Amino acid sequence: AEGAAEDSKKPGSRRFPRITRDTARPEGGGRAAGGDAPAPARQWP
């Protein structure tokens, strides 16, 4: 298991890791306003 973990952390590798540990945020899923704005302003759309 240690070898598999090391393979997925190679900096030059463009391969997807064997085990997915997180989900990617959708394209355009960032805040609509800056982080210092209140929550309703960040999610106005």
ModelCIF file with pLDDT and N, C-alpha, C, O atoms, coordinates in Angstrom:
data_MODEL
#
_entry.id   MODEL 
#
_entity.id                         1 
_entity.type                       polymer 
_entity.pdbx_number_of_molecules   1 
#
_entity_poly.entity_id                      1 
_entity_poly.type                           'polypeptide(L)' 
_entity_poly.nstd_linkage                   no 
_entity_poly.nstd_monomer                   no 
_entity_poly.pdbx_seq_one_letter_code       AEGAAEDSKKPGSRRFPRITRDTARPEGGGRAAGGDAPAPARQWP 
_entity_poly.pdbx_seq_one_letter_code_can   AEGAAEDSKKPGSRRFPRITRDTARPEGGGRAAGGDAPAPARQWP 
_entity_poly.pdbx_strand_id                 A 
#
loop_
_entity_poly_seq.entity_id 
_entity_poly_seq.num 
_entity_poly_seq.mon_id 
_entity_poly_seq.hetero 
1 1  ALA n 
1 2  GLU n 
1 3  GLY n 
1 4  ALA n 
1 5  ALA n 
1 6  GLU n 
1 7  ASP n 
1 8  SER n 
1 9  LYS n 
1 10 LYS n 
1 11 PRO n 
1 12 GLY n 
1 13 SER n 
1 14 ARG n 
1 15 ARG n 
1 16 PHE n 
1 17 PRO n 
1 18 ARG n 
1 19 ILE n 
1 20 THR n 
1 21 ARG n 
1 22 ASP n 
1 23 THR n 
1 24 ALA n 
1 25 ARG n 
1 26 PRO n 
1 27 GLU n 
1 28 GLY n 
1 29 GLY n 
1 30 GLY n 
1 31 ARG n 
1 32 ALA n 
1 33 ALA n 
1 34 GLY n 
1 35 GLY n 
1 36 ASP n 
1 37 ALA n 
1 38 PRO n 
1 39 ALA n 
1 40 PRO n 
1 41 ALA n 
1 42 ARG n 
1 43 GLN n 
1 44 TRP n 
1 45 PRO n 
#
_struct_asym.id          A 
_struct_asym.entity_id   1 
#
loop_
_ma_qa_metric.id 
_ma_qa_metric.mode 
_ma_qa_metric.name 
_ma_qa_metric.software_group_id 
_ma_qa_metric.type 
1 global pLDDT . pLDDT 
2 local  pLDDT . pLDDT 
#
_ma_qa_metric_global.metric_id      1 
_ma_qa_metric_global.metric_value   67.78 
_ma_qa_metric_global.model_id       1 
_ma_qa_metric_global.ordinal_id     1 
#
loop_
_ma_qa_metric_local.label_asym_id 
_ma_qa_metric_local.label_comp_id 
_ma_qa_metric_local.label_seq_id 
_ma_qa_metric_local.metric_id 
_ma_qa_metric_local.metric_value 
_ma_qa_metric_local.model_id 
_ma_qa_metric_local.ordinal_id 
A ALA 1  2 55.00 1 1  
A GLU 2  2 56.00 1 2  
A GLY 3  2 54.00 1 3  
A ALA 4  2 53.00 1 4  
A ALA 5  2 53.00 1 5  
A GLU 6  2 53.00 1 6  
A ASP 7  2 52.00 1 7  
A SER 8  2 53.00 1 8  
A LYS 9  2 55.00 1 9  
A LYS 10 2 53.00 1 10 
A PRO 11 2 61.00 1 11 
A GLY 12 2 61.00 1 12 
A SER 13 2 67.00 1 13 
A ARG 14 2 68.00 1 14 
A ARG 15 2 71.00 1 15 
A PHE 16 2 63.00 1 16 
A PRO 17 2 66.00 1 17 
A ARG 18 2 74.00 1 18 
A ILE 19 2 72.00 1 19 
A THR 20 2 67.00 1 20 
A ARG 21 2 71.00 1 21 
A ASP 22 2 68.00 1 22 
A THR 23 2 68.00 1 23 
A ALA 24 2 68.00 1 24 
A ARG 25 2 69.00 1 25 
A PRO 26 2 70.00 1 26 
A GLU 27 2 69.00 1 27 
A GLY 28 2 70.00 1 28 
A GLY 29 2 71.00 1 29 
A GLY 30 2 72.00 1 30 
A ARG 31 2 70.00 1 31 
A ALA 32 2 71.00 1 32 
A ALA 33 2 72.00 1 33 
A GLY 34 2 73.00 1 34 
A GLY 35 2 71.00 1 35 
A ASP 36 2 76.00 1 36 
A ALA 37 2 74.00 1 37 
A PRO 38 2 76.00 1 38 
A ALA 39 2 72.00 1 39 
A PRO 40 2 73.00 1 40 
A ALA 41 2 77.00 1 41 
A ARG 42 2 79.00 1 42 
A GLN 43 2 85.00 1 43 
A TRP 44 2 88.00 1 44 
A PRO 45 2 90.00 1 45 
#
loop_
_atom_site.group_PDB 
_atom_site.id 
_atom_site.type_symbol 
_atom_site.label_atom_id 
_atom_site.label_alt_id 
_atom_site.label_comp_id 
_atom_site.label_asym_id 
_atom_site.label_entity_id 
_atom_site.label_seq_id 
_atom_site.pdbx_PDB_ins_code 
_atom_site.Cartn_x 
_atom_site.Cartn_y 
_atom_site.Cartn_z 
_atom_site.occupancy 
_atom_site.B_iso_or_equiv 
_atom_site.pdbx_formal_charge 
_atom_site.auth_seq_id 
_atom_site.auth_comp_id 
_atom_site.auth_asym_id 
_atom_site.auth_atom_id 
_atom_site.pdbx_PDB_model_num 
ATOM 1   N N  . ALA A 1 1  ? 0.832   -1.207 0.000   1.00 55.00 ? 1  ALA A N  1 
ATOM 2   C CA . ALA A 1 1  ? 0.000   0.000  0.000   1.00 55.00 ? 1  ALA A CA 1 
ATOM 3   C C  . ALA A 1 1  ? 0.865   1.255  0.000   1.00 55.00 ? 1  ALA A C  1 
ATOM 4   O O  . ALA A 1 1  ? 0.471   2.291  -0.537  1.00 55.00 ? 1  ALA A O  1 
ATOM 5   N N  . GLU A 1 2  ? 2.059   1.156  0.611   1.00 56.00 ? 2  GLU A N  1 
ATOM 6   C CA . GLU A 1 2  ? 2.937   2.333  0.639   1.00 56.00 ? 2  GLU A CA 1 
ATOM 7   C C  . GLU A 1 2  ? 3.417   2.681  -0.758  1.00 56.00 ? 2  GLU A C  1 
ATOM 8   O O  . GLU A 1 2  ? 3.501   3.859  -1.104  1.00 56.00 ? 2  GLU A O  1 
ATOM 9   N N  . GLY A 1 3  ? 3.731   1.682  -1.566  1.00 54.00 ? 3  GLY A N  1 
ATOM 10  C CA . GLY A 1 3  ? 4.196   1.918  -2.933  1.00 54.00 ? 3  GLY A CA 1 
ATOM 11  C C  . GLY A 1 3  ? 3.121   2.562  -3.790  1.00 54.00 ? 3  GLY A C  1 
ATOM 12  O O  . GLY A 1 3  ? 3.419   3.432  -4.609  1.00 54.00 ? 3  GLY A O  1 
ATOM 13  N N  . ALA A 1 4  ? 1.883   2.146  -3.612  1.00 53.00 ? 4  ALA A N  1 
ATOM 14  C CA . ALA A 1 4  ? 0.772   2.727  -4.384  1.00 53.00 ? 4  ALA A CA 1 
ATOM 15  C C  . ALA A 1 4  ? 0.554   4.180  -3.987  1.00 53.00 ? 4  ALA A C  1 
ATOM 16  O O  . ALA A 1 4  ? 0.244   5.016  -4.836  1.00 53.00 ? 4  ALA A O  1 
ATOM 17  N N  . ALA A 1 5  ? 0.713   4.488  -2.696  1.00 53.00 ? 5  ALA A N  1 
ATOM 18  C CA . ALA A 1 5  ? 0.543   5.866  -2.235  1.00 53.00 ? 5  ALA A CA 1 
ATOM 19  C C  . ALA A 1 5  ? 1.649   6.754  -2.782  1.00 53.00 ? 5  ALA A C  1 
ATOM 20  O O  . ALA A 1 5  ? 1.407   7.911  -3.125  1.00 53.00 ? 5  ALA A O  1 
ATOM 21  N N  . GLU A 1 6  ? 2.865   6.218  -2.865  1.00 53.00 ? 6  GLU A N  1 
ATOM 22  C CA . GLU A 1 6  ? 3.971   6.995  -3.395  1.00 53.00 ? 6  GLU A CA 1 
ATOM 23  C C  . GLU A 1 6  ? 3.799   7.252  -4.887  1.00 53.00 ? 6  GLU A C  1 
ATOM 24  O O  . GLU A 1 6  ? 4.148   8.327  -5.373  1.00 53.00 ? 6  GLU A O  1 
ATOM 25  N N  . ASP A 1 7  ? 3.259   6.264  -5.626  1.00 52.00 ? 7  ASP A N  1 
ATOM 26  C CA . ASP A 1 7  ? 3.054   6.421  -7.063  1.00 52.00 ? 7  ASP A CA 1 
ATOM 27  C C  . ASP A 1 7  ? 2.078   7.544  -7.373  1.00 52.00 ? 7  ASP A C  1 
ATOM 28  O O  . ASP A 1 7  ? 2.258   8.273  -8.348  1.00 52.00 ? 7  ASP A O  1 
ATOM 29  N N  . SER A 1 8  ? 1.039   7.689  -6.545  1.00 53.00 ? 8  SER A N  1 
ATOM 30  C CA . SER A 1 8  ? 0.026   8.710  -6.835  1.00 53.00 ? 8  SER A CA 1 
ATOM 31  C C  . SER A 1 8  ? 0.506   10.119 -6.477  1.00 53.00 ? 8  SER A C  1 
ATOM 32  O O  . SER A 1 8  ? -0.132  11.093 -6.875  1.00 53.00 ? 8  SER A O  1 
ATOM 33  N N  . LYS A 1 9  ? 1.614   10.254 -5.737  1.00 55.00 ? 9  LYS A N  1 
ATOM 34  C CA . LYS A 1 9  ? 2.110   11.564 -5.329  1.00 55.00 ? 9  LYS A CA 1 
ATOM 35  C C  . LYS A 1 9  ? 3.266   12.049 -6.183  1.00 55.00 ? 9  LYS A C  1 
ATOM 36  O O  . LYS A 1 9  ? 3.877   13.064 -5.849  1.00 55.00 ? 9  LYS A O  1 
ATOM 37  N N  . LYS A 1 10 ? 3.587   11.374 -7.258  1.00 53.00 ? 10 LYS A N  1 
ATOM 38  C CA . LYS A 1 10 ? 4.684   11.800 -8.111  1.00 53.00 ? 10 LYS A CA 1 
ATOM 39  C C  . LYS A 1 10 ? 4.360   13.161 -8.716  1.00 53.00 ? 10 LYS A C  1 
ATOM 40  O O  . LYS A 1 10 ? 3.281   13.342 -9.279  1.00 53.00 ? 10 LYS A O  1 
ATOM 41  N N  . PRO A 1 11 ? 5.279   14.122 -8.608  1.00 61.00 ? 11 PRO A N  1 
ATOM 42  C CA . PRO A 1 11 ? 4.971   15.464 -9.094  1.00 61.00 ? 11 PRO A CA 1 
ATOM 43  C C  . PRO A 1 11 ? 4.842   15.547 -10.614 1.00 61.00 ? 11 PRO A C  1 
ATOM 44  O O  . PRO A 1 11 ? 4.087   16.387 -11.105 1.00 61.00 ? 11 PRO A O  1 
ATOM 45  N N  . GLY A 1 12 ? 5.543   14.716 -11.375 1.00 61.00 ? 12 GLY A N  1 
ATOM 46  C CA . GLY A 1 12 ? 5.514   14.817 -12.817 1.00 61.00 ? 12 GLY A CA 1 
ATOM 47  C C  . GLY A 1 12 ? 4.436   13.953 -13.463 1.00 61.00 ? 12 GLY A C  1 
ATOM 48  O O  . GLY A 1 12 ? 4.246   14.023 -14.677 1.00 61.00 ? 12 GLY A O  1 
ATOM 49  N N  . SER A 1 13 ? 3.732   13.147 -12.686 1.00 67.00 ? 13 SER A N  1 
ATOM 50  C CA . SER A 1 13 ? 2.747   12.233 -13.248 1.00 67.00 ? 13 SER A CA 1 
ATOM 51  C C  . SER A 1 13 ? 1.441   12.961 -13.556 1.00 67.00 ? 13 SER A C  1 
ATOM 52  O O  . SER A 1 13 ? 0.955   13.758 -12.753 1.00 67.00 ? 13 SER A O  1 
ATOM 53  N N  . ARG A 1 14 ? 0.879   12.674 -14.735 1.00 68.00 ? 14 ARG A N  1 
ATOM 54  C CA . ARG A 1 14 ? -0.406  13.260 -15.106 1.00 68.00 ? 14 ARG A CA 1 
ATOM 55  C C  . ARG A 1 14 ? -1.527  12.243 -14.983 1.00 68.00 ? 14 ARG A C  1 
ATOM 56  O O  . ARG A 1 14 ? -2.667  12.524 -15.354 1.00 68.00 ? 14 ARG A O  1 
ATOM 57  N N  . ARG A 1 15 ? -1.212  11.067 -14.467 1.00 71.00 ? 15 ARG A N  1 
ATOM 58  C CA . ARG A 1 15 ? -2.219  10.031 -14.310 1.00 71.00 ? 15 ARG A CA 1 
ATOM 59  C C  . ARG A 1 15 ? -3.116  10.341 -13.119 1.00 71.00 ? 15 ARG A C  1 
ATOM 60  O O  . ARG A 1 15 ? -2.703  10.969 -12.145 1.00 71.00 ? 15 ARG A O  1 
ATOM 61  N N  . PHE A 1 16 ? -4.355  9.878  -13.232 1.00 63.00 ? 16 PHE A N  1 
ATOM 62  C CA . PHE A 1 16 ? -5.268  10.024 -12.116 1.00 63.00 ? 16 PHE A CA 1 
ATOM 63  C C  . PHE A 1 16 ? -4.866  9.059  -11.015 1.00 63.00 ? 16 PHE A C  1 
ATOM 64  O O  . PHE A 1 16 ? -4.374  7.968  -11.305 1.00 63.00 ? 16 PHE A O  1 
ATOM 65  N N  . PRO A 1 17 ? -5.064  9.435  -9.758  1.00 66.00 ? 17 PRO A N  1 
ATOM 66  C CA . PRO A 1 17 ? -4.736  8.510  -8.673  1.00 66.00 ? 17 PRO A CA 1 
ATOM 67  C C  . PRO A 1 17 ? -5.654  7.292  -8.718  1.00 66.00 ? 17 PRO A C  1 
ATOM 68  O O  . PRO A 1 17 ? -6.771  7.362  -9.232  1.00 66.00 ? 17 PRO A O  1 
ATOM 69  N N  . ARG A 1 18 ? -5.175  6.188  -8.180  1.00 74.00 ? 18 ARG A N  1 
ATOM 70  C CA . ARG A 1 18 ? -5.974  4.957  -8.182  1.00 74.00 ? 18 ARG A CA 1 
ATOM 71  C C  . ARG A 1 18 ? -7.198  5.082  -7.281  1.00 74.00 ? 18 ARG A C  1 
ATOM 72  O O  . ARG A 1 18 ? -8.248  4.512  -7.578  1.00 74.00 ? 18 ARG A O  1 
ATOM 73  N N  . ILE A 1 19 ? -7.071  5.808  -6.205  1.00 72.00 ? 19 ILE A N  1 
ATOM 74  C CA . ILE A 1 19 ? -8.178  5.989  -5.255  1.00 72.00 ? 19 ILE A CA 1 
ATOM 75  C C  . ILE A 1 19 ? -8.545  7.463  -5.222  1.00 72.00 ? 19 ILE A C  1 
ATOM 76  O O  . ILE A 1 19 ? -7.689  8.319  -4.998  1.00 72.00 ? 19 ILE A O  1 
ATOM 77  N N  . THR A 1 20 ? -9.816  7.755  -5.446  1.00 67.00 ? 20 THR A N  1 
ATOM 78  C CA . THR A 1 20 ? -10.285 9.132  -5.395  1.00 67.00 ? 20 THR A CA 1 
ATOM 79  C C  . THR A 1 20 ? -10.631 9.479  -3.960  1.00 67.00 ? 20 THR A C  1 
ATOM 80  O O  . THR A 1 20 ? -11.425 8.792  -3.319  1.00 67.00 ? 20 THR A O  1 
ATOM 81  N N  . ARG A 1 21 ? -10.033 10.544 -3.462  1.00 71.00 ? 21 ARG A N  1 
ATOM 82  C CA . ARG A 1 21 ? -10.256 10.937 -2.074  1.00 71.00 ? 21 ARG A CA 1 
ATOM 83  C C  . ARG A 1 21 ? -11.082 12.206 -1.945  1.00 71.00 ? 21 ARG A C  1 
ATOM 84  O O  . ARG A 1 21 ? -11.459 12.582 -0.835  1.00 71.00 ? 21 ARG A O  1 
ATOM 85  N N  . ASP A 1 22 ? -11.367 12.865 -3.041  1.00 68.00 ? 22 ASP A N  1 
ATOM 86  C CA . ASP A 1 22 ? -12.101 14.124 -2.980  1.00 68.00 ? 22 ASP A CA 1 
ATOM 87  C C  . ASP A 1 22 ? -12.814 14.323 -4.316  1.00 68.00 ? 22 ASP A C  1 
ATOM 88  O O  . ASP A 1 22 ? -12.486 13.660 -5.300  1.00 68.00 ? 22 ASP A O  1 
ATOM 89  N N  . THR A 1 23 ? -13.761 15.208 -4.352  1.00 68.00 ? 23 THR A N  1 
ATOM 90  C CA . THR A 1 23 ? -14.433 15.531 -5.612  1.00 68.00 ? 23 THR A CA 1 
ATOM 91  C C  . THR A 1 23 ? -14.012 16.928 -6.046  1.00 68.00 ? 23 THR A C  1 
ATOM 92  O O  . THR A 1 23 ? -13.786 17.814 -5.221  1.00 68.00 ? 23 THR A O  1 
ATOM 93  N N  . ALA A 1 24 ? -13.916 17.100 -7.335  1.00 68.00 ? 24 ALA A N  1 
ATOM 94  C CA . ALA A 1 24 ? -13.528 18.401 -7.863  1.00 68.00 ? 24 ALA A CA 1 
ATOM 95  C C  . ALA A 1 24 ? -14.728 19.335 -7.855  1.00 68.00 ? 24 ALA A C  1 
ATOM 96  O O  . ALA A 1 24 ? -15.862 18.914 -8.086  1.00 68.00 ? 24 ALA A O  1 
ATOM 97  N N  . ARG A 1 25 ? -14.465 20.593 -7.589  1.00 69.00 ? 25 ARG A N  1 
ATOM 98  C CA . ARG A 1 25 ? -15.517 21.598 -7.630  1.00 69.00 ? 25 ARG A CA 1 
ATOM 99  C C  . ARG A 1 25 ? -15.927 21.796 -9.080  1.00 69.00 ? 25 ARG A C  1 
ATOM 100 O O  . ARG A 1 25 ? -15.064 21.775 -9.957  1.00 69.00 ? 25 ARG A O  1 
ATOM 101 N N  . PRO A 1 26 ? -17.227 21.991 -9.372  1.00 70.00 ? 26 PRO A N  1 
ATOM 102 C CA . PRO A 1 26 ? -17.648 22.168 -10.759 1.00 70.00 ? 26 PRO A CA 1 
ATOM 103 C C  . PRO A 1 26 ? -16.994 23.397 -11.383 1.00 70.00 ? 26 PRO A C  1 
ATOM 104 O O  . PRO A 1 26 ? -16.652 24.358 -10.694 1.00 70.00 ? 26 PRO A O  1 
ATOM 105 N N  . GLU A 1 27 ? -16.833 23.341 -12.683 1.00 69.00 ? 27 GLU A N  1 
ATOM 106 C CA . GLU A 1 27 ? -16.281 24.470 -13.424 1.00 69.00 ? 27 GLU A CA 1 
ATOM 107 C C  . GLU A 1 27 ? -17.173 25.687 -13.195 1.00 69.00 ? 27 GLU A C  1 
ATOM 108 O O  . GLU A 1 27 ? -18.372 25.629 -13.464 1.00 69.00 ? 27 GLU A O  1 
ATOM 109 N N  . GLY A 1 28 ? -16.614 26.774 -12.708 1.00 70.00 ? 28 GLY A N  1 
ATOM 110 C CA . GLY A 1 28 ? -17.398 27.975 -12.421 1.00 70.00 ? 28 GLY A CA 1 
ATOM 111 C C  . GLY A 1 28 ? -18.014 27.959 -11.042 1.00 70.00 ? 28 GLY A C  1 
ATOM 112 O O  . GLY A 1 28 ? -18.831 28.824 -10.726 1.00 70.00 ? 28 GLY A O  1 
ATOM 113 N N  . GLY A 1 29 ? -17.644 26.993 -10.207 1.00 71.00 ? 29 GLY A N  1 
ATOM 114 C CA . GLY A 1 29 ? -18.248 26.867 -8.895  1.00 71.00 ? 29 GLY A CA 1 
ATOM 115 C C  . GLY A 1 29 ? -17.647 27.769 -7.841  1.00 71.00 ? 29 GLY A C  1 
ATOM 116 O O  . GLY A 1 29 ? -17.976 27.639 -6.662  1.00 71.00 ? 29 GLY A O  1 
ATOM 117 N N  . GLY A 1 30 ? -16.771 28.686 -8.236  1.00 72.00 ? 30 GLY A N  1 
ATOM 118 C CA . GLY A 1 30 ? -16.195 29.615 -7.269  1.00 72.00 ? 30 GLY A CA 1 
ATOM 119 C C  . GLY A 1 30 ? -17.210 30.655 -6.829  1.00 72.00 ? 30 GLY A C  1 
ATOM 120 O O  . GLY A 1 30 ? -18.303 30.746 -7.388  1.00 72.00 ? 30 GLY A O  1 
ATOM 121 N N  . ARG A 1 31 ? -16.850 31.421 -5.845  1.00 70.00 ? 31 ARG A N  1 
ATOM 122 C CA . ARG A 1 31 ? -17.756 32.441 -5.308  1.00 70.00 ? 31 ARG A CA 1 
ATOM 123 C C  . ARG A 1 31 ? -18.019 33.522 -6.350  1.00 70.00 ? 31 ARG A C  1 
ATOM 124 O O  . ARG A 1 31 ? -17.126 33.892 -7.113  1.00 70.00 ? 31 ARG A O  1 
ATOM 125 N N  . ALA A 1 32 ? -19.254 34.025 -6.376  1.00 71.00 ? 32 ALA A N  1 
ATOM 126 C CA . ALA A 1 32 ? -19.616 35.083 -7.308  1.00 71.00 ? 32 ALA A CA 1 
ATOM 127 C C  . ALA A 1 32 ? -19.123 36.442 -6.818  1.00 71.00 ? 32 ALA A C  1 
ATOM 128 O O  . ALA A 1 32 ? -19.080 37.401 -7.588  1.00 71.00 ? 32 ALA A O  1 
ATOM 129 N N  . ALA A 1 33 ? -18.757 36.526 -5.557  1.00 72.00 ? 33 ALA A N  1 
ATOM 130 C CA . ALA A 1 33 ? -18.167 37.736 -4.984  1.00 72.00 ? 33 ALA A CA 1 
ATOM 131 C C  . ALA A 1 33 ? -17.000 37.295 -4.111  1.00 72.00 ? 33 ALA A C  1 
ATOM 132 O O  . ALA A 1 33 ? -16.852 36.105 -3.831  1.00 72.00 ? 33 ALA A O  1 
ATOM 133 N N  . GLY A 1 34 ? -16.175 38.238 -3.681  1.00 73.00 ? 34 GLY A N  1 
ATOM 134 C CA . GLY A 1 34 ? -14.996 37.924 -2.889  1.00 73.00 ? 34 GLY A CA 1 
ATOM 135 C C  . GLY A 1 34 ? -15.318 37.276 -1.558  1.00 73.00 ? 34 GLY A C  1 
ATOM 136 O O  . GLY A 1 34 ? -16.449 37.348 -1.078  1.00 73.00 ? 34 GLY A O  1 
ATOM 137 N N  . GLY A 1 35 ? -14.320 36.643 -0.967  1.00 71.00 ? 35 GLY A N  1 
ATOM 138 C CA . GLY A 1 35 ? -14.503 35.968 0.309   1.00 71.00 ? 35 GLY A CA 1 
ATOM 139 C C  . GLY A 1 35 ? -14.832 36.902 1.458   1.00 71.00 ? 35 GLY A C  1 
ATOM 140 O O  . GLY A 1 35 ? -15.378 36.462 2.470   1.00 71.00 ? 35 GLY A O  1 
ATOM 141 N N  . ASP A 1 36 ? -14.506 38.202 1.323   1.00 76.00 ? 36 ASP A N  1 
ATOM 142 C CA . ASP A 1 36 ? -14.813 39.153 2.394   1.00 76.00 ? 36 ASP A CA 1 
ATOM 143 C C  . ASP A 1 36 ? -16.260 39.626 2.340   1.00 76.00 ? 36 ASP A C  1 
ATOM 144 O O  . ASP A 1 36 ? -16.728 40.261 3.284   1.00 76.00 ? 36 ASP A O  1 
ATOM 145 N N  . ALA A 1 37 ? -16.981 39.332 1.258   1.00 74.00 ? 37 ALA A N  1 
ATOM 146 C CA . ALA A 1 37 ? -18.384 39.728 1.133   1.00 74.00 ? 37 ALA A CA 1 
ATOM 147 C C  . ALA A 1 37 ? -19.254 38.792 1.970   1.00 74.00 ? 37 ALA A C  1 
ATOM 148 O O  . ALA A 1 37 ? -18.875 37.645 2.206   1.00 74.00 ? 37 ALA A O  1 
ATOM 149 N N  . PRO A 1 38 ? -20.423 39.270 2.422   1.00 76.00 ? 38 PRO A N  1 
ATOM 150 C CA . PRO A 1 38 ? -21.318 38.390 3.178   1.00 76.00 ? 38 PRO A CA 1 
ATOM 151 C C  . PRO A 1 38 ? -21.835 37.244 2.304   1.00 76.00 ? 38 PRO A C  1 
ATOM 152 O O  . PRO A 1 38 ? -21.799 37.320 1.076   1.00 76.00 ? 38 PRO A O  1 
ATOM 153 N N  . ALA A 1 39 ? -22.313 36.188 2.954   1.00 72.00 ? 39 ALA A N  1 
ATOM 154 C CA . ALA A 1 39 ? -22.743 34.979 2.242   1.00 72.00 ? 39 ALA A CA 1 
ATOM 155 C C  . ALA A 1 39 ? -23.782 35.243 1.154   1.00 72.00 ? 39 ALA A C  1 
ATOM 156 O O  . ALA A 1 39 ? -23.639 34.693 0.062   1.00 72.00 ? 39 ALA A O  1 
ATOM 157 N N  . PRO A 1 40 ? -24.825 36.057 1.386   1.00 73.00 ? 40 PRO A N  1 
ATOM 158 C CA . PRO A 1 40 ? -25.791 36.286 0.301   1.00 73.00 ? 40 PRO A CA 1 
ATOM 159 C C  . PRO A 1 40 ? -25.159 36.935 -0.928  1.00 73.00 ? 40 PRO A C  1 
ATOM 160 O O  . PRO A 1 40 ? -25.564 36.638 -2.052  1.00 73.00 ? 40 PRO A O  1 
ATOM 161 N N  . ALA A 1 41 ? -24.192 37.799 -0.742  1.00 77.00 ? 41 ALA A N  1 
ATOM 162 C CA . ALA A 1 41 ? -23.541 38.450 -1.881  1.00 77.00 ? 41 ALA A CA 1 
ATOM 163 C C  . ALA A 1 41 ? -22.672 37.466 -2.648  1.00 77.00 ? 41 ALA A C  1 
ATOM 164 O O  . ALA A 1 41 ? -22.517 37.590 -3.863  1.00 77.00 ? 41 ALA A O  1 
ATOM 165 N N  . ARG A 1 42 ? -22.105 36.493 -1.949  1.00 79.00 ? 42 ARG A N  1 
ATOM 166 C CA . ARG A 1 42 ? -21.261 35.502 -2.620  1.00 79.00 ? 42 ARG A CA 1 
ATOM 167 C C  . ARG A 1 42 ? -22.085 34.534 -3.447  1.00 79.00 ? 42 ARG A C  1 
ATOM 168 O O  . ARG A 1 42 ? -21.572 33.960 -4.408  1.00 79.00 ? 42 ARG A O  1 
ATOM 169 N N  . GLN A 1 43 ? -23.344 34.337 -3.099  1.00 85.00 ? 43 GLN A N  1 
ATOM 170 C CA . GLN A 1 43 ? -24.203 33.365 -3.776  1.00 85.00 ? 43 GLN A CA 1 
ATOM 171 C C  . GLN A 1 43 ? -25.377 34.035 -4.484  1.00 85.00 ? 43 GLN A C  1 
ATOM 172 O O  . GLN A 1 43 ? -26.437 33.424 -4.619  1.00 85.00 ? 43 GLN A O  1 
ATOM 173 N N  . TRP A 1 44 ? -25.213 35.280 -4.941  1.00 88.00 ? 44 TRP A N  1 
ATOM 174 C CA . TRP A 1 44 ? -26.338 36.015 -5.513  1.00 88.00 ? 44 TRP A CA 1 
ATOM 175 C C  . TRP A 1 44 ? -26.955 35.356 -6.739  1.00 88.00 ? 44 TRP A C  1 
ATOM 176 O O  . TRP A 1 44 ? -28.163 35.502 -6.923  1.00 88.00 ? 44 TRP A O  1 
ATOM 177 N N  . PRO A 1 45 ? -26.218 34.635 -7.602  1.00 90.00 ? 45 PRO A N  1 
ATOM 178 C CA . PRO A 1 45 ? -26.902 33.995 -8.738  1.00 90.00 ? 45 PRO A CA 1 
ATOM 179 C C  . PRO A 1 45 ? -27.931 32.941 -8.288  1.00 90.00 ? 45 PRO A C  1 
ATOM 180 O O  . PRO A 1 45 ? -28.584 32.319 -9.125  1.00 90.00 ? 45 PRO A O  1 
#
